[in-house]
Amino acid sequence: MKHSLFILSILMLFTACKPTSNIITSKDVAVKKGIYTEPVLAKNSTVKKKNVKRDLAAKKVLPTLNQKQNLKINDKNESDIVISKEDSNYLIEQLINSASDNLGVNYRAGGTTPAGFDCSGLMYSTFKKFDITLPRSSHEMAEVGMQIDPEKAKRGDLIFFINRGQKRINHVGMIVEVNGDEIKFIHSSTQGGVMISSLKESYYERTFKQINRVLE
């Protein structure tokens, strides 16, 4: 009995010492770290705030499987919307905010709702809110948009991985921050649900496959 308790205490100590600085599992933490931001109306603006879904119904993503898609979605900022990040725009900010609303939600295979998401389900439902239809699986999503070098990655790009001994892409997330050579992305992990992780973490660095830009 004493031997079992000793082993358990060692395991608990090891778990407590695991680095967590790159993992964000709540919206409050995301706000504090400057990842979750709220676009605002410009001062003295006389123009009513645009509907988030402005004209996107006519710009749905309809990918053909096994064929790379170069998406041409007009996501330029409206003059009455203020975006604090120079390399972003209103649509991308809203996509990131929408995904971040689910931080802490549990992982669920096949899930596409706040009751639980799998990785592609989180991306599919997030983009779908803005009338952008992505394929349902991560390996099909990897056929959408234009593959880019990690050095050119931007917020809103999709990031893909091959893990668990698979031979094709089976995990996807969305980039929410690029800080120098560090890329952070939101995804639904089988171990921790919806969270923000870093490509510098050894597991994701090892399983990383590619980055696709679906919004120009």
N, C-alpha and C. Protein backbone atom coordinates (compact mmCIF):
# COMPACT_ATOMS: atom_id res chain seq x y z
N MET A 1 0.83 -1.20 0.00
CA MET A 1 0.00 0.00 0.00
C MET A 1 0.87 1.26 0.00
N LYS A 2 1.87 1.27 0.90
CA LYS A 2 2.77 2.41 0.96
C LYS A 2 3.52 2.59 -0.35
N HIS A 3 3.88 1.44 -0.96
CA HIS A 3 4.59 1.49 -2.25
C HIS A 3 3.72 2.15 -3.32
N SER A 4 2.41 1.81 -3.32
CA SER A 4 1.49 2.36 -4.31
C SER A 4 1.32 3.86 -4.11
N LEU A 5 1.20 4.28 -2.83
CA LEU A 5 1.04 5.70 -2.54
C LEU A 5 2.27 6.48 -2.96
N PHE A 6 3.47 5.88 -2.78
CA PHE A 6 4.71 6.54 -3.17
C PHE A 6 4.75 6.77 -4.67
N ILE A 7 4.37 5.73 -5.44
CA ILE A 7 4.36 5.85 -6.91
C ILE A 7 3.36 6.90 -7.36
N LEU A 8 2.17 6.91 -6.70
CA LEU A 8 1.15 7.89 -7.05
C LEU A 8 1.62 9.31 -6.80
N SER A 9 2.30 9.52 -5.66
CA SER A 9 2.79 10.87 -5.34
C SER A 9 3.85 11.33 -6.33
N ILE A 10 4.69 10.40 -6.81
CA ILE A 10 5.71 10.75 -7.80
C ILE A 10 5.06 11.15 -9.11
N LEU A 11 4.03 10.40 -9.51
CA LEU A 11 3.32 10.71 -10.75
C LEU A 11 2.66 12.07 -10.68
N MET A 12 2.07 12.39 -9.51
CA MET A 12 1.40 13.69 -9.34
C MET A 12 2.41 14.82 -9.40
N LEU A 13 3.57 14.61 -8.84
CA LEU A 13 4.61 15.63 -8.87
C LEU A 13 5.09 15.86 -10.29
N PHE A 14 5.26 14.80 -11.06
CA PHE A 14 5.70 14.90 -12.45
C PHE A 14 4.70 15.66 -13.28
N THR A 15 3.40 15.33 -13.06
CA THR A 15 2.34 16.01 -13.81
C THR A 15 2.31 17.49 -13.49
N ALA A 16 2.46 17.82 -12.20
CA ALA A 16 2.40 19.21 -11.79
C ALA A 16 3.56 20.03 -12.35
N CYS A 17 4.65 19.36 -12.67
CA CYS A 17 5.84 20.07 -13.16
C CYS A 17 5.87 20.20 -14.67
N LYS A 18 4.91 19.62 -15.35
CA LYS A 18 4.90 19.71 -16.81
C LYS A 18 4.67 21.16 -17.22
N PRO A 19 5.43 21.67 -18.21
CA PRO A 19 5.27 23.06 -18.64
C PRO A 19 3.91 23.31 -19.26
N THR A 20 3.26 24.39 -18.87
CA THR A 20 1.93 24.72 -19.40
C THR A 20 1.86 26.15 -19.92
N SER A 21 3.00 26.81 -19.98
CA SER A 21 2.98 28.23 -20.34
C SER A 21 2.46 28.48 -21.75
N ASN A 22 2.58 27.49 -22.63
CA ASN A 22 2.16 27.67 -24.02
C ASN A 22 0.74 27.18 -24.27
N ILE A 23 0.08 26.70 -23.22
CA ILE A 23 -1.27 26.15 -23.39
C ILE A 23 -2.29 27.09 -22.76
N ILE A 24 -3.30 27.46 -23.52
CA ILE A 24 -4.36 28.34 -23.03
C ILE A 24 -5.68 27.58 -23.13
N THR A 25 -6.35 27.42 -22.00
CA THR A 25 -7.57 26.61 -22.00
C THR A 25 -8.79 27.39 -21.54
N SER A 26 -8.69 28.70 -21.43
CA SER A 26 -9.86 29.49 -21.06
C SER A 26 -9.86 30.82 -21.80
N LYS A 27 -11.05 31.35 -22.01
CA LYS A 27 -11.18 32.61 -22.73
C LYS A 27 -10.55 33.76 -21.93
N ASP A 28 -10.69 33.73 -20.60
CA ASP A 28 -10.11 34.78 -19.77
C ASP A 28 -8.61 34.88 -19.95
N VAL A 29 -7.94 33.72 -19.99
CA VAL A 29 -6.48 33.71 -20.19
C VAL A 29 -6.14 34.25 -21.57
N ALA A 30 -6.94 33.88 -22.56
CA ALA A 30 -6.70 34.36 -23.92
C ALA A 30 -6.81 35.88 -23.99
N VAL A 31 -7.78 36.44 -23.26
CA VAL A 31 -7.95 37.89 -23.23
C VAL A 31 -6.72 38.54 -22.61
N LYS A 32 -6.25 37.99 -21.49
CA LYS A 32 -5.08 38.55 -20.80
C LYS A 32 -3.84 38.50 -21.67
N LYS A 33 -3.71 37.47 -22.49
CA LYS A 33 -2.54 37.32 -23.34
C LYS A 33 -2.68 38.06 -24.67
N GLY A 34 -3.81 38.75 -24.85
CA GLY A 34 -3.99 39.56 -26.05
C GLY A 34 -4.34 38.77 -27.29
N ILE A 35 -4.78 37.52 -27.12
CA ILE A 35 -5.14 36.70 -28.27
C ILE A 35 -6.58 36.92 -28.67
N TYR A 36 -7.46 37.13 -27.67
CA TYR A 36 -8.87 37.36 -27.95
C TYR A 36 -9.12 38.87 -27.92
N THR A 37 -9.52 39.44 -29.05
CA THR A 37 -9.76 40.87 -29.13
C THR A 37 -11.12 41.15 -29.73
N GLU A 38 -11.67 42.30 -29.42
CA GLU A 38 -13.00 42.64 -29.90
C GLU A 38 -12.93 43.85 -30.84
N PRO A 39 -13.20 43.67 -32.13
CA PRO A 39 -13.22 44.80 -33.05
C PRO A 39 -14.26 45.83 -32.61
N VAL A 40 -13.97 47.12 -32.80
CA VAL A 40 -14.88 48.16 -32.34
C VAL A 40 -15.15 49.15 -33.46
N LEU A 41 -16.23 49.90 -33.33
CA LEU A 41 -16.55 50.93 -34.30
C LEU A 41 -15.61 52.13 -34.14
N ALA A 42 -15.26 52.73 -35.25
CA ALA A 42 -14.42 53.92 -35.20
C ALA A 42 -15.19 55.05 -34.54
N LYS A 43 -14.48 55.95 -33.86
CA LYS A 43 -15.12 57.08 -33.22
C LYS A 43 -15.76 57.99 -34.27
N ASN A 44 -16.92 58.54 -33.91
CA ASN A 44 -17.65 59.47 -34.78
C ASN A 44 -18.09 58.84 -36.09
N SER A 45 -18.14 57.49 -36.12
CA SER A 45 -18.57 56.83 -37.35
C SER A 45 -20.07 57.02 -37.54
N THR A 46 -20.48 57.39 -38.74
CA THR A 46 -21.90 57.57 -39.04
C THR A 46 -22.46 56.38 -39.78
N VAL A 47 -21.57 55.40 -40.05
CA VAL A 47 -21.99 54.21 -40.78
C VAL A 47 -22.35 53.12 -39.79
N LYS A 48 -23.47 52.46 -39.97
CA LYS A 48 -23.86 51.39 -39.08
C LYS A 48 -22.91 50.22 -39.22
N LYS A 49 -22.68 49.54 -38.10
CA LYS A 49 -21.79 48.40 -38.11
C LYS A 49 -22.29 47.34 -39.07
N LYS A 50 -21.41 46.83 -39.91
CA LYS A 50 -21.80 45.84 -40.91
C LYS A 50 -22.14 44.52 -40.24
N ASN A 51 -23.07 43.80 -40.86
CA ASN A 51 -23.34 42.45 -40.40
C ASN A 51 -22.10 41.60 -40.65
N VAL A 52 -21.74 40.79 -39.68
CA VAL A 52 -20.54 39.96 -39.80
C VAL A 52 -20.58 39.11 -41.05
N LYS A 53 -21.78 38.71 -41.46
CA LYS A 53 -21.91 37.82 -42.62
C LYS A 53 -22.05 38.60 -43.92
N ARG A 54 -21.54 39.83 -43.93
CA ARG A 54 -21.74 40.68 -45.09
C ARG A 54 -21.33 39.99 -46.39
N ASP A 55 -22.29 39.75 -47.22
CA ASP A 55 -22.03 39.22 -48.58
C ASP A 55 -21.28 37.90 -48.62
N LEU A 56 -21.06 37.26 -47.45
CA LEU A 56 -20.29 36.02 -47.49
C LEU A 56 -21.13 34.85 -48.00
N ALA A 57 -22.44 35.02 -47.98
CA ALA A 57 -23.29 33.93 -48.46
C ALA A 57 -22.98 33.59 -49.91
N ALA A 58 -22.53 34.62 -50.65
CA ALA A 58 -22.22 34.41 -52.07
C ALA A 58 -20.77 34.00 -52.27
N LYS A 59 -20.05 33.79 -51.16
CA LYS A 59 -18.63 33.50 -51.27
C LYS A 59 -18.28 32.20 -50.55
N LYS A 60 -19.18 31.25 -50.56
CA LYS A 60 -18.94 29.99 -49.87
C LYS A 60 -17.77 29.24 -50.48
N VAL A 61 -17.07 28.52 -49.61
CA VAL A 61 -15.96 27.70 -50.06
C VAL A 61 -16.51 26.35 -50.48
N LEU A 62 -16.39 26.02 -51.74
CA LEU A 62 -16.89 24.75 -52.23
C LEU A 62 -15.73 23.97 -52.84
N PRO A 63 -14.92 23.31 -52.00
CA PRO A 63 -13.72 22.65 -52.48
C PRO A 63 -14.01 21.38 -53.26
N THR A 64 -13.20 21.13 -54.26
CA THR A 64 -13.23 19.86 -54.99
C THR A 64 -12.14 18.98 -54.41
N LEU A 65 -12.48 17.80 -53.94
CA LEU A 65 -11.52 16.92 -53.30
C LEU A 65 -10.38 16.59 -54.26
N ASN A 66 -9.18 16.46 -53.67
CA ASN A 66 -7.97 16.11 -54.41
C ASN A 66 -7.53 17.19 -55.39
N GLN A 67 -8.08 18.40 -55.23
CA GLN A 67 -7.68 19.51 -56.09
C GLN A 67 -7.50 20.76 -55.24
N LYS A 68 -6.28 21.34 -55.26
CA LYS A 68 -6.00 22.52 -54.46
C LYS A 68 -6.91 23.68 -54.87
N GLN A 69 -7.42 24.38 -53.88
CA GLN A 69 -8.33 25.48 -54.15
C GLN A 69 -7.66 26.80 -53.79
N ASN A 70 -7.71 27.77 -54.68
CA ASN A 70 -7.21 29.11 -54.40
C ASN A 70 -8.42 29.99 -54.14
N LEU A 71 -8.70 30.26 -52.87
CA LEU A 71 -9.91 30.98 -52.51
C LEU A 71 -9.74 32.48 -52.75
N LYS A 72 -10.78 33.11 -53.25
CA LYS A 72 -10.76 34.54 -53.49
C LYS A 72 -11.92 35.16 -52.73
N ILE A 73 -11.74 35.36 -51.44
CA ILE A 73 -12.78 35.94 -50.60
C ILE A 73 -12.41 37.37 -50.27
N ASN A 74 -13.32 38.31 -50.53
CA ASN A 74 -13.06 39.71 -50.23
C ASN A 74 -13.28 39.94 -48.74
N ASP A 75 -12.17 40.01 -47.98
CA ASP A 75 -12.30 40.20 -46.54
C ASP A 75 -11.64 41.51 -46.11
N LYS A 76 -11.65 42.51 -46.99
CA LYS A 76 -11.08 43.81 -46.66
C LYS A 76 -11.88 44.46 -45.52
N ASN A 77 -11.19 45.18 -44.66
CA ASN A 77 -11.85 45.85 -43.55
C ASN A 77 -12.73 46.98 -44.04
N GLU A 78 -13.91 47.10 -43.43
CA GLU A 78 -14.77 48.23 -43.72
C GLU A 78 -14.19 49.47 -43.03
N SER A 79 -14.49 50.66 -43.56
CA SER A 79 -13.90 51.89 -43.04
C SER A 79 -14.36 52.20 -41.61
N ASP A 80 -15.49 51.65 -41.19
CA ASP A 80 -16.00 51.96 -39.86
C ASP A 80 -15.57 50.94 -38.81
N ILE A 81 -14.69 50.01 -39.18
CA ILE A 81 -14.23 48.98 -38.25
C ILE A 81 -12.76 49.22 -37.94
N VAL A 82 -12.42 49.24 -36.66
CA VAL A 82 -11.04 49.43 -36.24
C VAL A 82 -10.44 48.09 -35.85
N ILE A 83 -9.32 47.73 -36.46
CA ILE A 83 -8.61 46.51 -36.13
C ILE A 83 -7.24 46.90 -35.59
N SER A 84 -6.92 46.43 -34.40
CA SER A 84 -5.68 46.85 -33.76
C SER A 84 -4.45 46.16 -34.33
N LYS A 85 -4.63 45.02 -34.97
CA LYS A 85 -3.50 44.27 -35.51
C LYS A 85 -3.34 44.56 -37.00
N GLU A 86 -2.16 45.00 -37.40
CA GLU A 86 -1.92 45.41 -38.77
C GLU A 86 -2.03 44.27 -39.77
N ASP A 87 -1.68 43.03 -39.33
CA ASP A 87 -1.66 41.91 -40.25
C ASP A 87 -2.96 41.12 -40.22
N SER A 88 -4.04 41.74 -39.74
CA SER A 88 -5.30 41.02 -39.61
C SER A 88 -6.41 41.81 -40.27
N ASN A 89 -7.63 41.30 -40.19
CA ASN A 89 -8.80 41.99 -40.70
C ASN A 89 -10.01 41.53 -39.90
N TYR A 90 -11.13 42.17 -40.16
CA TYR A 90 -12.32 41.94 -39.35
C TYR A 90 -12.79 40.50 -39.39
N LEU A 91 -12.80 39.90 -40.56
CA LEU A 91 -13.27 38.53 -40.69
C LEU A 91 -12.38 37.56 -39.90
N ILE A 92 -11.07 37.70 -40.05
CA ILE A 92 -10.15 36.81 -39.34
C ILE A 92 -10.26 37.00 -37.83
N GLU A 93 -10.39 38.27 -37.39
CA GLU A 93 -10.56 38.53 -35.95
C GLU A 93 -11.81 37.84 -35.42
N GLN A 94 -12.89 37.90 -36.19
CA GLN A 94 -14.14 37.28 -35.76
C GLN A 94 -14.05 35.76 -35.77
N LEU A 95 -13.34 35.20 -36.74
CA LEU A 95 -13.14 33.76 -36.76
C LEU A 95 -12.37 33.31 -35.51
N ILE A 96 -11.32 34.05 -35.18
CA ILE A 96 -10.51 33.70 -34.00
C ILE A 96 -11.34 33.87 -32.72
N ASN A 97 -12.10 34.97 -32.65
CA ASN A 97 -12.95 35.19 -31.48
C ASN A 97 -13.99 34.09 -31.33
N SER A 98 -14.59 33.70 -32.46
CA SER A 98 -15.61 32.66 -32.43
C SER A 98 -15.04 31.33 -31.94
N ALA A 99 -13.87 30.96 -32.47
CA ALA A 99 -13.22 29.73 -32.03
C ALA A 99 -12.83 29.81 -30.56
N SER A 100 -12.34 31.00 -30.13
CA SER A 100 -11.89 31.18 -28.75
C SER A 100 -13.03 31.13 -27.75
N ASP A 101 -14.25 31.40 -28.20
CA ASP A 101 -15.41 31.27 -27.32
C ASP A 101 -15.57 29.85 -26.80
N ASN A 102 -14.94 28.89 -27.49
CA ASN A 102 -15.08 27.48 -27.12
C ASN A 102 -13.89 26.94 -26.31
N LEU A 103 -12.97 27.82 -25.91
CA LEU A 103 -11.84 27.37 -25.11
C LEU A 103 -12.33 26.66 -23.86
N GLY A 104 -11.78 25.48 -23.62
CA GLY A 104 -12.17 24.70 -22.45
C GLY A 104 -13.25 23.66 -22.73
N VAL A 105 -13.88 23.73 -23.91
CA VAL A 105 -14.90 22.73 -24.27
C VAL A 105 -14.22 21.38 -24.49
N ASN A 106 -14.86 20.33 -24.05
CA ASN A 106 -14.29 18.98 -24.14
C ASN A 106 -14.19 18.49 -25.58
N TYR A 107 -13.25 17.56 -25.78
CA TYR A 107 -13.12 16.89 -27.08
C TYR A 107 -14.24 15.86 -27.20
N ARG A 108 -14.81 15.77 -28.40
CA ARG A 108 -15.80 14.73 -28.69
C ARG A 108 -15.64 14.31 -30.15
N ALA A 109 -15.38 13.04 -30.39
CA ALA A 109 -15.23 12.54 -31.75
C ALA A 109 -16.49 12.83 -32.55
N GLY A 110 -16.33 13.46 -33.70
CA GLY A 110 -17.47 13.80 -34.55
C GLY A 110 -18.23 15.03 -34.10
N GLY A 111 -17.78 15.67 -33.01
CA GLY A 111 -18.50 16.79 -32.44
C GLY A 111 -18.34 18.09 -33.21
N THR A 112 -19.44 18.83 -33.35
CA THR A 112 -19.42 20.12 -34.05
C THR A 112 -20.16 21.19 -33.26
N THR A 113 -20.41 20.95 -31.97
CA THR A 113 -21.16 21.90 -31.14
C THR A 113 -20.43 22.11 -29.82
N PRO A 114 -20.83 23.13 -29.04
CA PRO A 114 -20.21 23.37 -27.74
C PRO A 114 -20.37 22.22 -26.75
N ALA A 115 -21.15 21.22 -27.11
CA ALA A 115 -21.22 20.02 -26.28
C ALA A 115 -19.94 19.20 -26.42
N GLY A 116 -19.15 19.51 -27.44
CA GLY A 116 -17.89 18.81 -27.69
C GLY A 116 -17.50 18.91 -29.16
N PHE A 117 -16.20 19.11 -29.41
CA PHE A 117 -15.69 19.23 -30.77
C PHE A 117 -14.57 18.24 -31.00
N ASP A 118 -14.47 17.72 -32.23
CA ASP A 118 -13.20 17.15 -32.65
C ASP A 118 -12.47 18.26 -33.41
N CYS A 119 -11.24 18.00 -33.84
CA CYS A 119 -10.42 19.10 -34.40
C CYS A 119 -11.05 19.71 -35.64
N SER A 120 -11.46 18.89 -36.58
CA SER A 120 -12.04 19.42 -37.81
C SER A 120 -13.44 19.98 -37.56
N GLY A 121 -14.13 19.42 -36.57
CA GLY A 121 -15.46 19.92 -36.21
C GLY A 121 -15.40 21.35 -35.71
N LEU A 122 -14.36 21.67 -34.94
CA LEU A 122 -14.19 23.04 -34.45
C LEU A 122 -13.96 24.00 -35.60
N MET A 123 -13.10 23.63 -36.55
CA MET A 123 -12.84 24.48 -37.70
C MET A 123 -14.07 24.60 -38.60
N TYR A 124 -14.71 23.47 -38.85
CA TYR A 124 -15.88 23.45 -39.72
C TYR A 124 -16.98 24.37 -39.17
N SER A 125 -17.29 24.23 -37.87
CA SER A 125 -18.39 25.00 -37.29
C SER A 125 -18.02 26.48 -37.16
N THR A 126 -16.75 26.77 -36.89
CA THR A 126 -16.31 28.17 -36.77
C THR A 126 -16.47 28.90 -38.10
N PHE A 127 -15.98 28.31 -39.17
CA PHE A 127 -16.08 28.95 -40.49
C PHE A 127 -17.53 28.97 -40.97
N LYS A 128 -18.30 27.95 -40.62
CA LYS A 128 -19.68 27.85 -41.07
C LYS A 128 -20.53 29.00 -40.52
N LYS A 129 -20.18 29.50 -39.33
CA LYS A 129 -20.91 30.63 -38.76
C LYS A 129 -20.85 31.86 -39.66
N PHE A 130 -19.82 31.92 -40.49
CA PHE A 130 -19.64 33.05 -41.38
C PHE A 130 -19.91 32.67 -42.83
N ASP A 131 -20.73 31.62 -42.99
CA ASP A 131 -21.15 31.15 -44.31
C ASP A 131 -19.99 30.72 -45.19
N ILE A 132 -18.93 30.21 -44.56
CA ILE A 132 -17.81 29.65 -45.30
C ILE A 132 -17.81 28.15 -45.04
N THR A 133 -18.03 27.38 -46.08
CA THR A 133 -18.17 25.94 -45.92
C THR A 133 -16.86 25.22 -46.23
N LEU A 134 -16.24 24.65 -45.20
CA LEU A 134 -15.04 23.84 -45.36
C LEU A 134 -15.44 22.36 -45.41
N PRO A 135 -14.57 21.51 -45.94
CA PRO A 135 -14.85 20.07 -45.85
C PRO A 135 -14.91 19.66 -44.39
N ARG A 136 -15.46 18.50 -44.12
CA ARG A 136 -15.67 18.08 -42.74
C ARG A 136 -14.46 17.42 -42.11
N SER A 137 -13.56 16.85 -42.88
CA SER A 137 -12.42 16.14 -42.30
C SER A 137 -11.14 16.95 -42.47
N SER A 138 -10.17 16.72 -41.58
CA SER A 138 -8.92 17.49 -41.62
C SER A 138 -8.12 17.21 -42.90
N HIS A 139 -8.08 15.96 -43.36
CA HIS A 139 -7.28 15.68 -44.56
C HIS A 139 -7.92 16.28 -45.80
N GLU A 140 -9.25 16.46 -45.81
CA GLU A 140 -9.90 17.15 -46.93
C GLU A 140 -9.70 18.66 -46.82
N MET A 141 -9.70 19.19 -45.60
CA MET A 141 -9.42 20.61 -45.42
C MET A 141 -8.04 20.97 -45.92
N ALA A 142 -7.11 20.03 -45.83
CA ALA A 142 -5.73 20.27 -46.26
C ALA A 142 -5.64 20.46 -47.77
N GLU A 143 -6.72 20.17 -48.50
CA GLU A 143 -6.75 20.37 -49.95
C GLU A 143 -7.32 21.73 -50.32
N VAL A 144 -7.70 22.52 -49.32
CA VAL A 144 -8.32 23.82 -49.57
C VAL A 144 -7.30 24.94 -49.40
N GLY A 145 -7.38 25.93 -50.23
CA GLY A 145 -6.49 27.08 -50.11
C GLY A 145 -5.13 26.85 -50.71
N MET A 146 -4.17 27.65 -50.28
CA MET A 146 -2.82 27.60 -50.82
C MET A 146 -1.83 27.27 -49.71
N GLN A 147 -1.01 26.24 -49.92
CA GLN A 147 0.00 25.87 -48.93
C GLN A 147 1.10 26.92 -48.91
N ILE A 148 1.50 27.35 -47.71
CA ILE A 148 2.50 28.40 -47.58
C ILE A 148 3.62 27.96 -46.64
N ASP A 149 4.74 28.64 -46.71
CA ASP A 149 5.87 28.36 -45.83
C ASP A 149 5.55 28.84 -44.41
N PRO A 150 5.99 28.11 -43.39
CA PRO A 150 5.74 28.52 -42.00
C PRO A 150 6.23 29.93 -41.70
N GLU A 151 7.30 30.36 -42.38
CA GLU A 151 7.83 31.70 -42.15
C GLU A 151 6.85 32.79 -42.59
N LYS A 152 5.89 32.43 -43.44
CA LYS A 152 4.93 33.41 -43.94
C LYS A 152 3.55 33.24 -43.30
N ALA A 153 3.48 32.43 -42.26
CA ALA A 153 2.20 32.15 -41.60
C ALA A 153 1.59 33.41 -41.01
N LYS A 154 0.24 33.49 -41.06
CA LYS A 154 -0.47 34.62 -40.48
C LYS A 154 -1.68 34.11 -39.70
N ARG A 155 -2.22 34.99 -38.87
CA ARG A 155 -3.44 34.67 -38.12
C ARG A 155 -4.55 34.29 -39.09
N GLY A 156 -5.29 33.25 -38.75
CA GLY A 156 -6.38 32.80 -39.60
C GLY A 156 -6.00 31.67 -40.54
N ASP A 157 -4.71 31.41 -40.72
CA ASP A 157 -4.28 30.27 -41.54
C ASP A 157 -4.61 28.96 -40.82
N LEU A 158 -4.85 27.92 -41.59
CA LEU A 158 -5.07 26.60 -41.01
C LEU A 158 -3.74 25.86 -40.93
N ILE A 159 -3.54 25.12 -39.85
CA ILE A 159 -2.30 24.39 -39.63
C ILE A 159 -2.63 22.90 -39.45
N PHE A 160 -1.84 22.03 -40.08
CA PHE A 160 -2.17 20.61 -40.15
C PHE A 160 -1.05 19.73 -39.60
N PHE A 161 -1.47 18.57 -39.09
CA PHE A 161 -0.54 17.63 -38.46
C PHE A 161 -0.87 16.20 -38.86
N ILE A 162 0.14 15.32 -38.77
CA ILE A 162 -0.05 13.88 -38.91
C ILE A 162 0.43 13.25 -37.60
N ASN A 163 -0.47 12.66 -36.86
CA ASN A 163 -0.08 12.07 -35.57
C ASN A 163 -0.64 10.67 -35.39
N ARG A 164 -0.28 10.08 -34.27
CA ARG A 164 -0.69 8.72 -33.89
C ARG A 164 -0.36 7.68 -34.95
N GLY A 165 0.78 7.83 -35.59
CA GLY A 165 1.23 6.82 -36.53
C GLY A 165 0.44 6.76 -37.82
N GLN A 166 -0.34 7.79 -38.11
CA GLN A 166 -1.14 7.81 -39.33
C GLN A 166 -0.27 8.14 -40.55
N LYS A 167 -0.80 7.87 -41.73
CA LYS A 167 -0.06 8.12 -42.96
C LYS A 167 -0.57 9.36 -43.70
N ARG A 168 -1.67 9.93 -43.21
CA ARG A 168 -2.18 11.13 -43.85
C ARG A 168 -2.59 12.12 -42.76
N ILE A 169 -2.82 13.37 -43.15
CA ILE A 169 -3.19 14.41 -42.20
C ILE A 169 -4.44 14.01 -41.42
N ASN A 170 -4.36 14.17 -40.10
CA ASN A 170 -5.52 13.82 -39.28
C ASN A 170 -5.75 14.78 -38.12
N HIS A 171 -5.13 15.97 -38.19
CA HIS A 171 -5.37 16.98 -37.15
C HIS A 171 -5.22 18.37 -37.75
N VAL A 172 -6.10 19.29 -37.30
CA VAL A 172 -6.10 20.64 -37.86
C VAL A 172 -6.40 21.65 -36.75
N GLY A 173 -5.82 22.83 -36.91
CA GLY A 173 -6.11 23.95 -36.01
C GLY A 173 -6.05 25.24 -36.81
N MET A 174 -6.30 26.36 -36.13
CA MET A 174 -6.23 27.67 -36.78
C MET A 174 -5.22 28.54 -36.04
N ILE A 175 -4.35 29.19 -36.79
CA ILE A 175 -3.32 30.03 -36.19
C ILE A 175 -3.96 31.29 -35.60
N VAL A 176 -3.64 31.57 -34.33
CA VAL A 176 -4.20 32.75 -33.66
C VAL A 176 -3.14 33.77 -33.30
N GLU A 177 -1.87 33.38 -33.38
CA GLU A 177 -0.81 34.33 -33.04
C GLU A 177 0.50 33.88 -33.69
N VAL A 178 1.22 34.84 -34.23
CA VAL A 178 2.57 34.60 -34.75
C VAL A 178 3.49 35.61 -34.09
N ASN A 179 4.39 35.13 -33.24
CA ASN A 179 5.28 36.00 -32.49
C ASN A 179 6.72 35.59 -32.79
N GLY A 180 7.32 36.29 -33.75
CA GLY A 180 8.66 35.92 -34.17
C GLY A 180 8.63 34.57 -34.87
N ASP A 181 9.37 33.61 -34.33
CA ASP A 181 9.37 32.27 -34.93
C ASP A 181 8.43 31.31 -34.21
N GLU A 182 7.58 31.85 -33.32
CA GLU A 182 6.63 30.99 -32.62
C GLU A 182 5.24 31.15 -33.19
N ILE A 183 4.60 30.02 -33.49
CA ILE A 183 3.24 30.00 -34.02
C ILE A 183 2.33 29.36 -32.98
N LYS A 184 1.25 30.06 -32.62
CA LYS A 184 0.26 29.51 -31.69
C LYS A 184 -1.04 29.26 -32.45
N PHE A 185 -1.70 28.19 -32.11
CA PHE A 185 -2.91 27.81 -32.84
C PHE A 185 -3.97 27.27 -31.88
N ILE A 186 -5.23 27.49 -32.24
CA ILE A 186 -6.34 26.95 -31.47
C ILE A 186 -6.81 25.66 -32.13
N HIS A 187 -7.11 24.67 -31.32
CA HIS A 187 -7.51 23.37 -31.85
C HIS A 187 -8.23 22.59 -30.76
N SER A 188 -8.84 21.49 -31.14
CA SER A 188 -9.46 20.60 -30.16
C SER A 188 -8.62 19.35 -30.04
N SER A 189 -8.00 19.21 -28.88
CA SER A 189 -7.09 18.09 -28.62
C SER A 189 -7.83 16.95 -27.92
N THR A 190 -7.48 15.73 -28.28
CA THR A 190 -8.11 14.58 -27.63
C THR A 190 -7.81 14.56 -26.14
N GLN A 191 -6.69 15.13 -25.74
CA GLN A 191 -6.28 15.10 -24.34
C GLN A 191 -6.86 16.26 -23.52
N GLY A 192 -7.00 17.44 -24.14
CA GLY A 192 -7.41 18.60 -23.34
C GLY A 192 -8.57 19.40 -23.89
N GLY A 193 -9.22 18.93 -24.96
CA GLY A 193 -10.32 19.68 -25.53
C GLY A 193 -9.82 20.90 -26.28
N VAL A 194 -10.66 21.94 -26.36
CA VAL A 194 -10.31 23.14 -27.12
C VAL A 194 -9.30 23.97 -26.33
N MET A 195 -8.14 24.19 -26.93
CA MET A 195 -7.07 24.92 -26.27
C MET A 195 -6.21 25.62 -27.31
N ILE A 196 -5.30 26.45 -26.84
CA ILE A 196 -4.32 27.10 -27.70
C ILE A 196 -2.95 26.52 -27.37
N SER A 197 -2.28 26.01 -28.39
CA SER A 197 -0.97 25.39 -28.21
C SER A 197 0.06 26.09 -29.06
N SER A 198 1.33 25.72 -28.87
CA SER A 198 2.43 26.33 -29.61
C SER A 198 3.12 25.30 -30.48
N LEU A 199 3.52 25.72 -31.65
CA LEU A 199 4.26 24.83 -32.55
C LEU A 199 5.65 24.53 -31.99
N LYS A 200 6.07 25.27 -30.99
CA LYS A 200 7.36 25.01 -30.36
C LYS A 200 7.31 23.82 -29.39
N GLU A 201 6.09 23.40 -29.03
CA GLU A 201 5.97 22.21 -28.19
C GLU A 201 6.48 21.02 -28.99
N SER A 202 7.26 20.18 -28.36
CA SER A 202 7.96 19.11 -29.09
C SER A 202 7.01 18.20 -29.86
N TYR A 203 5.87 17.89 -29.27
CA TYR A 203 4.92 16.98 -29.95
C TYR A 203 4.43 17.58 -31.25
N TYR A 204 4.01 18.85 -31.22
CA TYR A 204 3.47 19.49 -32.42
C TYR A 204 4.57 19.83 -33.41
N GLU A 205 5.75 20.12 -32.92
CA GLU A 205 6.89 20.36 -33.81
C GLU A 205 7.22 19.09 -34.58
N ARG A 206 7.06 17.95 -33.91
CA ARG A 206 7.40 16.66 -34.52
C ARG A 206 6.32 16.19 -35.51
N THR A 207 5.08 16.52 -35.24
CA THR A 207 3.98 16.01 -36.08
C THR A 207 3.48 17.03 -37.10
N PHE A 208 4.04 18.23 -37.10
CA PHE A 208 3.62 19.28 -38.04
C PHE A 208 3.79 18.83 -39.49
N LYS A 209 2.79 19.16 -40.30
CA LYS A 209 2.83 18.80 -41.72
C LYS A 209 2.84 20.02 -42.64
N GLN A 210 1.85 20.92 -42.50
CA GLN A 210 1.77 22.05 -43.42
C GLN A 210 0.85 23.13 -42.89
N ILE A 211 0.91 24.32 -43.56
CA ILE A 211 0.04 25.44 -43.27
C ILE A 211 -0.64 25.86 -44.56
N ASN A 212 -1.96 26.06 -44.49
CA ASN A 212 -2.71 26.50 -45.67
C ASN A 212 -3.37 27.85 -45.42
N ARG A 213 -3.32 28.72 -46.42
CA ARG A 213 -4.04 30.00 -46.33
C ARG A 213 -5.33 29.87 -47.10
N VAL A 214 -6.45 30.01 -46.39
CA VAL A 214 -7.75 29.90 -47.02
C VAL A 214 -8.41 31.27 -47.20
N LEU A 215 -7.85 32.29 -46.56
CA LEU A 215 -8.36 33.66 -46.71
C LEU A 215 -7.20 34.56 -47.11
N GLU A 216 -7.31 35.21 -48.25
CA GLU A 216 -6.25 36.12 -48.71
C GLU A 216 -6.48 37.52 -48.20
